[in-house]
């Protein structure tokens, strides 16, 4: 009896083995290769049409789409030209007297001597500078021709009147003709000095 118990105690109890089955795994993929996933199954989506209920007093708004900007290279657009009109206005000077007296002809001895010898030359020079002409020869010849008929006082007086009108100098046409009739060299010298001073002052 004792020997049987010892034999039973010495017998080991072996637990029941549990078998666990693992699903087979895919072999590991190399580094850098895309991973492969099993295909996904999806159910088709049914399309449904939704109708919007129109609202009262609804005004559809226009839809504007942005257009790409277009640039032109090497195209020069001509600007519209405008005509510029320059209006010249006469300068109104206050009335004044001659800057030099008619007996101040010795103030410019060169002009006075030329007026005594060739008054037609001084008259032509005065008309050229007064009217801003390019030559004085035409007026010189006209004065010389009229002097042959004794009309130099009328021509000289007309030139003196033109000078007075431009520079607004006091006087009258009768006095201008008398100055050229009685003292032609003095009148021409006075007119020459008056024109030279106006040109120097920038008032011609």
Protein backbone atom coordinates (compact mmCIF):
# COMPACT_ATOMS: atom_id res chain seq x y z
CA UNK A 1 0.00 0.00 0.00
CA UNK A 2 2.71 2.41 0.86
CA UNK A 3 4.65 1.56 -2.29
CA UNK A 4 1.59 2.29 -4.48
CA UNK A 5 1.06 5.68 -2.92
CA UNK A 6 4.66 6.59 -3.51
CA UNK A 7 4.32 5.56 -7.12
CA UNK A 8 1.24 7.70 -7.54
CA UNK A 9 2.85 10.75 -5.96
CA UNK A 10 5.89 10.41 -8.09
CA UNK A 11 3.69 10.48 -11.21
CA UNK A 12 3.60 14.04 -12.64
CA UNK A 13 0.51 15.61 -13.80
CA UNK A 14 0.96 16.80 -17.38
CA UNK A 15 -1.46 19.55 -18.30
CA UNK A 16 -3.41 19.35 -21.49
CA UNK A 17 -1.62 20.99 -24.37
CA UNK A 18 -3.41 23.91 -26.00
CA UNK A 19 -2.71 24.32 -29.67
CA UNK A 20 -2.79 27.95 -30.88
CA UNK A 21 -2.89 28.44 -34.63
CA UNK A 22 -1.57 31.69 -36.00
CA UNK A 23 -2.59 33.11 -39.34
CA UNK A 24 0.18 33.12 -41.89
CA UNK A 25 1.90 36.46 -42.14
CA UNK A 26 3.06 38.06 -45.32
CA UNK A 27 6.79 38.04 -45.77
CA UNK A 28 8.47 41.30 -44.74
CA UNK A 29 8.91 43.77 -47.61
CA UNK A 30 12.17 45.37 -48.42
CA UNK A 31 12.86 48.97 -47.44
CA UNK A 32 11.80 51.51 -50.04
CA UNK A 33 9.18 49.36 -51.79
CA UNK A 34 5.51 50.36 -51.75
CA UNK A 35 3.37 48.56 -49.27
CA UNK A 36 0.66 46.39 -50.73
CA UNK A 37 -2.73 46.53 -49.10
CA UNK A 38 -5.62 44.21 -49.75
CA UNK A 39 -8.24 45.57 -52.08
CA UNK A 40 -11.02 47.51 -50.42
CA UNK A 41 -14.58 46.73 -51.30
CA UNK A 42 -17.04 49.58 -51.25
CA UNK A 43 -20.68 49.70 -51.92
CA UNK A 44 -21.94 51.87 -54.80
CA UNK A 45 -23.33 55.25 -53.77
CA UNK A 46 -26.77 55.99 -55.02
CA UNK A 47 -27.21 59.48 -56.54
CA UNK A 48 -30.11 61.50 -55.26
CA UNK A 49 -31.51 64.55 -56.97
CA UNK A 50 -32.32 67.44 -54.65
CA UNK A 51 -34.67 70.13 -55.90
CA UNK A 52 -34.36 73.59 -54.34
CA UNK A 53 -37.55 75.42 -53.46
CA UNK A 54 -37.64 78.82 -55.27
CA UNK A 55 -37.82 81.79 -52.94
CA UNK A 56 -40.02 84.83 -53.62
CA UNK A 57 -38.38 88.03 -54.96
CA UNK A 58 -35.20 86.15 -55.86
CA UNK A 59 -32.99 87.76 -58.45
CA UNK A 60 -30.16 85.62 -59.79
CA UNK A 61 -26.77 87.29 -59.50
CA UNK A 62 -24.35 87.21 -62.43
CA UNK A 63 -21.24 85.14 -62.01
CA UNK A 64 -17.99 86.79 -63.00
CA UNK A 65 -14.94 84.78 -63.78
CA UNK A 66 -11.48 86.25 -63.50
CA UNK A 67 -9.75 86.50 -66.83
CA UNK A 68 -6.01 85.98 -66.97
CA UNK A 69 -4.05 89.17 -67.37
CA UNK A 70 -2.55 89.60 -70.81
CA UNK A 71 0.57 91.63 -71.30
CA UNK A 72 1.94 92.87 -74.58
CA UNK A 73 5.65 93.20 -75.00
CA UNK A 74 7.14 95.68 -77.41
CA UNK A 75 3.90 97.53 -78.19
CA UNK A 76 4.08 101.29 -77.93
CA UNK A 77 0.78 103.11 -77.53
CA UNK A 78 0.73 106.53 -79.11
CA UNK A 79 -0.63 109.23 -76.82
CA UNK A 80 -3.15 111.68 -78.23
CA UNK A 81 -1.50 114.88 -79.32
CA UNK A 82 -2.91 118.17 -78.16
CA UNK A 83 -2.56 121.44 -80.03
CA UNK A 84 -1.04 124.17 -77.91
CA UNK A 85 -2.24 127.64 -78.83
CA UNK A 86 -0.01 130.49 -77.74
CA UNK A 87 -1.89 133.73 -77.38
CA UNK A 88 0.23 136.84 -77.57
CA UNK A 89 -1.21 139.78 -75.72
CA UNK A 90 -0.13 143.33 -76.34
CA UNK A 91 1.71 144.95 -73.46
CA UNK A 92 -0.07 148.09 -72.25
CA UNK A 93 2.48 150.66 -71.11
CA UNK A 94 1.58 153.84 -69.29
CA UNK A 95 1.93 157.04 -71.33
CA UNK A 96 5.36 158.60 -71.11
CA UNK A 97 7.61 161.14 -72.80
CA UNK A 98 10.71 160.56 -74.86
CA UNK A 99 13.69 159.44 -72.81
CA UNK A 100 15.90 161.98 -74.64
CA UNK A 101 15.06 165.43 -75.88
CA UNK A 102 15.11 166.14 -79.59
CA UNK A 103 18.10 168.44 -79.00
CA UNK A 104 20.01 165.66 -77.25
CA UNK A 105 21.28 164.39 -80.59
CA UNK A 106 24.90 164.77 -79.48
CA UNK A 107 24.33 162.03 -76.93
CA UNK A 108 25.23 159.60 -79.72
CA UNK A 109 27.56 161.40 -82.09
CA UNK A 110 28.00 158.42 -84.42
CA UNK A 111 24.29 158.09 -85.15
CA UNK A 112 23.93 161.85 -85.38
CA UNK A 113 26.72 162.08 -87.99
CA UNK A 114 25.24 159.19 -89.98
CA UNK A 115 21.80 160.85 -89.86
CA UNK A 116 23.27 164.06 -91.26
CA UNK A 117 25.01 162.32 -94.16
CA UNK A 118 22.65 159.42 -94.95
CA UNK A 119 19.33 159.82 -93.14
CA UNK A 120 17.83 157.01 -95.22
CA UNK A 121 20.24 154.50 -93.57
CA UNK A 122 19.26 155.52 -90.03
CA UNK A 123 15.58 155.41 -91.01
CA UNK A 124 16.02 151.89 -92.39
CA UNK A 125 17.84 150.75 -89.23
CA UNK A 126 15.04 152.15 -87.04
CA UNK A 127 12.33 150.37 -89.05
CA UNK A 128 14.29 147.09 -89.03
CA UNK A 129 14.73 147.00 -85.23
CA UNK A 130 11.25 148.32 -84.54
CA UNK A 131 9.51 145.72 -86.71
CA UNK A 132 12.13 142.98 -86.10
CA UNK A 133 12.84 142.56 -89.78
CA UNK A 134 15.84 140.80 -91.28
CA UNK A 135 16.99 143.67 -93.50
CA UNK A 136 16.80 147.46 -93.59
CA UNK A 137 17.62 147.94 -97.28
CA UNK A 138 14.00 148.16 -98.48
CA UNK A 139 13.04 150.93 -96.05
CA UNK A 140 16.29 152.74 -96.83
CA UNK A 141 15.55 152.77 -100.58
CA UNK A 142 11.96 153.90 -100.00
CA UNK A 143 13.12 156.83 -97.84
CA UNK A 144 15.71 157.83 -100.43
CA UNK A 145 13.17 157.78 -103.28
CA UNK A 146 10.59 159.83 -101.39
CA UNK A 147 13.28 162.34 -100.44
CA UNK A 148 13.77 163.07 -104.13
CA UNK A 149 10.18 164.34 -104.27
CA UNK A 150 10.36 166.22 -100.95
CA UNK A 151 8.16 163.72 -99.12
CA UNK A 152 10.80 162.63 -96.62
CA UNK A 153 8.98 164.44 -93.80
CA UNK A 154 5.83 162.40 -94.40
CA UNK A 155 7.70 159.09 -94.46
CA UNK A 156 9.87 160.04 -91.48
CA UNK A 157 6.84 161.35 -89.59
CA UNK A 158 4.99 158.06 -90.22
CA UNK A 159 7.92 156.11 -88.79
CA UNK A 160 8.04 158.38 -85.74
CA UNK A 161 4.30 157.85 -85.18
CA UNK A 162 4.79 154.07 -85.27
CA UNK A 163 7.48 154.34 -82.58
CA UNK A 164 5.24 156.45 -80.35
CA UNK A 165 2.33 154.03 -80.77
CA UNK A 166 4.45 151.02 -79.81
CA UNK A 167 6.08 152.59 -76.75
CA UNK A 168 3.02 154.69 -75.81
CA UNK A 169 4.83 158.01 -76.06
CA UNK A 170 2.84 161.23 -75.91
CA UNK A 171 2.51 163.31 -79.09
CA UNK A 172 0.59 163.56 -82.35
CA UNK A 173 1.16 162.90 -86.03
CA UNK A 174 1.39 166.59 -86.91
CA UNK A 175 4.23 167.12 -84.45
CA UNK A 176 6.04 164.06 -85.84
CA UNK A 177 5.97 165.43 -89.39
CA UNK A 178 7.17 168.84 -88.18
CA UNK A 179 10.12 167.30 -86.33
CA UNK A 180 11.31 165.55 -89.50
CA UNK A 181 10.66 168.60 -91.65
CA UNK A 182 12.59 171.08 -89.46
CA UNK A 183 15.34 168.85 -87.97
CA UNK A 184 15.59 165.48 -89.63
CA UNK A 185 18.96 164.37 -88.14
CA UNK A 186 17.87 165.25 -84.59
CA UNK A 187 14.54 163.39 -84.96
CA UNK A 188 16.21 160.26 -86.38
CA UNK A 189 18.88 160.29 -83.65
CA UNK A 190 16.25 160.67 -80.91
CA UNK A 191 14.28 157.73 -82.34
CA UNK A 192 17.45 155.59 -82.63
CA UNK A 193 18.43 156.17 -79.00
CA UNK A 194 14.86 155.40 -77.84
CA UNK A 195 14.82 152.08 -79.71
CA UNK A 196 18.26 151.09 -78.41
CA UNK A 197 17.19 151.69 -74.78
CA UNK A 198 13.98 149.68 -75.24
CA UNK A 199 15.93 146.79 -76.76
CA UNK A 200 18.44 146.88 -73.88
CA UNK A 201 15.57 146.80 -71.34
CA UNK A 202 13.85 143.89 -73.17
CA UNK A 203 10.73 145.96 -73.90
CA UNK A 204 10.93 146.03 -77.68
